[in-house]
Amino acid sequence: KNVFKEFLGYFVVAIIGALFAISLRIFIIEPYIVPTPSMAPTLLVGDHVLVNKVAYKLSKISRGDIVALYSPVENKDLVKRVIGLPKEEVFLSEDGNIYINGQRLFEPYLPKNLEAYYNNELFRLNEDEYFLMGDNRNNSSDSRVFGPVKSNKIFGKILFIYGPISRIGRVK
């Protein structure tokens, strides 16, 4: 009888722990493996990252954030950087610079030797639209291809690289 009660106690603890872990993954933090080189060198193919799924329920999406989103054109998740915010004009100049409402965007996270190629394109963002780009500008399918993204397609903020061991750290 005591063995059964002890077993039942462990079983209940295991069920509660499993429910907690599943809830944590579904609603709060989700592990994700970077599938493409579009965010290199910030994130590399195969990096294991944690996505904070409640970040944008508690605060606003900010320029420079690295976000996880549902692809507007494919049935997969993507990771991109927020470049343009709602109601802004984003101009991609053939001189390799980005201008937000006429002001050049400073991007310290990009590699110093990057020579980005743009086609003098202007994007006007509506309410609740964001312009997203990969840091690997010449090898990224992003808002230049699929257009601005609504906030309901953005499901979290990339916070931390937890693998491989040599790359562990906060994402900048």
Protein backbone atom coordinates (compact mmCIF):
# COMPACT_ATOMS: atom_id res chain seq x y z
CA LYS A 1 0.00 0.00 0.00
CA ASN A 2 2.80 2.46 0.87
CA VAL A 3 4.66 1.55 -2.34
CA PHE A 4 1.54 2.35 -4.36
CA LYS A 5 1.12 5.75 -2.64
CA GLU A 6 4.80 6.53 -3.23
CA PHE A 7 4.51 5.52 -6.89
CA LEU A 8 1.35 7.60 -7.26
CA GLY A 9 3.15 10.61 -5.73
CA TYR A 10 6.05 10.30 -8.20
CA PHE A 11 3.59 9.82 -11.07
CA VAL A 12 1.67 13.00 -10.16
CA VAL A 13 4.93 14.97 -9.88
CA ALA A 14 6.05 13.63 -13.28
CA ILE A 15 2.72 14.59 -14.90
CA ILE A 16 2.86 18.10 -13.39
CA GLY A 17 6.46 18.48 -14.56
CA ALA A 18 5.58 17.33 -18.08
CA LEU A 19 2.61 19.69 -18.26
CA PHE A 20 4.80 22.55 -17.05
CA ALA A 21 7.48 21.77 -19.66
CA ILE A 22 4.94 21.50 -22.47
CA SER A 23 3.23 24.74 -21.43
CA LEU A 24 6.60 26.50 -21.22
CA ARG A 25 7.45 25.42 -24.75
CA ILE A 26 4.06 26.22 -26.26
CA PHE A 27 3.46 29.59 -24.62
CA ILE A 28 6.75 31.08 -23.38
CA ILE A 29 10.09 29.81 -24.75
CA GLU A 30 10.65 27.71 -27.85
CA PRO A 31 13.90 26.20 -29.08
CA TYR A 32 14.63 26.78 -32.75
CA ILE A 33 17.43 25.73 -35.11
CA VAL A 34 18.49 28.36 -37.67
CA PRO A 35 17.90 26.72 -41.08
CA THR A 36 19.44 29.20 -43.54
CA PRO A 37 22.47 31.54 -43.82
CA SER A 38 20.25 34.63 -44.17
CA MET A 39 21.24 36.00 -40.73
CA ALA A 40 24.98 35.26 -40.96
CA PRO A 41 27.25 36.22 -39.30
CA THR A 42 24.87 37.08 -36.42
CA LEU A 43 23.22 33.64 -36.57
CA LEU A 44 24.73 30.72 -38.44
CA VAL A 45 23.10 27.68 -40.03
CA GLY A 46 22.60 25.14 -37.26
CA ASP A 47 22.69 27.62 -34.36
CA HIS A 48 20.28 26.56 -31.63
CA VAL A 49 18.41 29.60 -30.34
CA LEU A 50 15.68 30.34 -27.82
CA VAL A 51 12.62 32.26 -28.99
CA ASN A 52 10.83 34.34 -26.36
CA LYS A 53 7.17 33.95 -27.36
CA VAL A 54 5.79 36.44 -24.82
CA ALA A 55 8.21 39.30 -25.56
CA TYR A 56 5.80 41.13 -27.85
CA LYS A 57 2.81 40.56 -25.63
CA LEU A 58 4.66 42.60 -22.97
CA SER A 59 6.49 45.16 -25.13
CA LYS A 60 6.59 46.58 -28.65
CA ILE A 61 8.59 45.29 -31.58
CA SER A 62 11.67 47.51 -31.96
CA ARG A 63 14.00 48.29 -34.81
CA GLY A 64 17.03 46.02 -34.65
CA ASP A 65 15.21 43.15 -32.90
CA ILE A 66 15.81 39.70 -34.33
CA VAL A 67 12.42 38.04 -34.64
CA ALA A 68 10.95 34.64 -35.42
CA LEU A 69 8.06 34.74 -37.87
CA TYR A 70 5.78 32.57 -39.93
CA SER A 71 6.82 32.95 -43.56
CA PRO A 72 4.20 34.84 -45.54
CA VAL A 73 4.96 32.74 -48.64
CA GLU A 74 6.18 29.32 -47.47
CA ASN A 75 5.04 26.88 -44.83
CA LYS A 76 8.02 27.43 -42.52
CA ASP A 77 9.38 29.68 -39.81
CA LEU A 78 12.02 32.33 -40.50
CA VAL A 79 14.41 34.49 -38.50
CA LYS A 80 14.95 38.12 -39.61
CA ARG A 81 15.92 41.52 -38.24
CA VAL A 82 13.39 44.37 -37.88
CA ILE A 83 14.42 47.27 -40.14
CA GLY A 84 11.25 49.29 -40.66
CA LEU A 85 8.40 50.05 -38.27
CA PRO A 86 4.71 50.83 -38.92
CA LYS A 87 3.95 53.94 -40.99
CA GLU A 88 7.61 54.42 -42.03
CA GLU A 89 9.12 54.72 -45.49
CA VAL A 90 12.01 52.34 -46.10
CA PHE A 91 14.25 53.21 -49.06
CA LEU A 92 16.85 50.70 -50.20
CA SER A 93 19.40 52.75 -52.11
CA GLU A 94 21.68 51.44 -54.84
CA ASP A 95 24.53 52.99 -52.82
CA GLY A 96 24.08 50.05 -50.39
CA ASN A 97 22.43 52.07 -47.63
CA ILE A 98 18.96 51.98 -46.13
CA TYR A 99 17.05 55.17 -45.41
CA ILE A 100 14.13 55.36 -42.98
CA ASN A 101 11.94 58.42 -43.63
CA GLY A 102 14.91 59.98 -45.44
CA GLN A 103 17.46 59.34 -42.64
CA ARG A 104 20.28 56.86 -43.21
CA LEU A 105 19.93 53.79 -40.99
CA PHE A 106 22.99 53.02 -38.85
CA GLU A 107 23.47 49.23 -38.68
CA PRO A 108 26.37 48.35 -36.36
CA TYR A 109 25.42 44.65 -36.37
CA LEU A 110 26.35 44.19 -40.05
CA PRO A 111 29.83 42.99 -41.06
CA LYS A 112 32.19 45.91 -41.78
CA ASN A 113 33.07 44.62 -45.25
CA LEU A 114 29.47 43.99 -46.38
CA GLU A 115 28.65 45.46 -49.78
CA ALA A 116 24.88 45.26 -50.00
CA TYR A 117 23.19 45.51 -53.38
CA TYR A 118 19.79 47.19 -53.59
CA ASN A 119 17.70 48.43 -56.51
CA ASN A 120 16.48 51.86 -55.35
CA GLU A 121 13.26 50.45 -53.91
CA LEU A 122 10.80 52.34 -51.71
CA PHE A 123 8.48 50.54 -49.30
CA ARG A 124 5.71 52.42 -47.47
CA LEU A 125 4.61 50.56 -44.36
CA ASN A 126 1.03 50.64 -43.18
CA GLU A 127 -0.24 50.43 -39.62
CA ASP A 128 0.91 47.15 -38.05
CA GLU A 129 3.48 46.37 -40.79
CA TYR A 130 7.19 45.71 -40.34
CA PHE A 131 10.03 45.55 -42.85
CA LEU A 132 12.32 42.61 -42.08
CA MET A 133 15.71 41.72 -43.54
CA GLY A 134 18.42 39.16 -43.00
CA ASP A 135 21.86 40.40 -41.92
CA ASN A 136 23.36 38.46 -44.85
CA ARG A 137 21.82 41.03 -47.18
CA ASN A 138 22.90 39.52 -50.48
CA ASN A 139 21.71 36.03 -49.50
CA SER A 140 18.37 36.56 -47.76
CA SER A 141 14.79 36.10 -48.83
CA ASP A 142 13.09 38.79 -46.76
CA SER A 143 10.69 41.74 -47.04
CA ARG A 144 12.34 42.70 -50.32
CA VAL A 145 10.84 39.47 -51.69
CA PHE A 146 7.68 38.86 -49.65
CA GLY A 147 6.87 42.44 -48.62
CA PRO A 148 6.12 43.95 -45.22
CA VAL A 149 5.00 41.59 -42.45
CA LYS A 150 2.07 42.11 -40.08
CA SER A 151 2.70 41.70 -36.36
CA ASN A 152 0.47 38.62 -36.14
CA LYS A 153 3.03 36.75 -38.28
CA ILE A 154 5.81 37.58 -35.77
CA PHE A 155 5.68 35.07 -32.94
CA GLY A 156 8.75 35.83 -30.86
CA LYS A 157 12.07 37.51 -30.22
CA ILE A 158 15.36 35.64 -30.54
CA LEU A 159 17.18 35.98 -27.22
CA PHE A 160 19.97 33.50 -26.83
CA ILE A 161 22.15 31.02 -28.71
CA TYR A 162 22.44 27.83 -26.66
CA GLY A 163 24.37 25.71 -29.13
CA PRO A 164 26.82 24.80 -30.42
CA ILE A 165 28.92 25.33 -27.31
CA SER A 166 31.39 27.62 -29.09
CA ARG A 167 28.55 30.04 -29.95
CA ILE A 168 26.67 30.20 -26.64
CA GLY A 169 25.62 33.73 -25.75
CA ARG A 170 23.13 36.55 -26.10
CA VAL A 171 22.04 37.54 -29.57
CA LYS A 172 22.91 41.12 -30.51
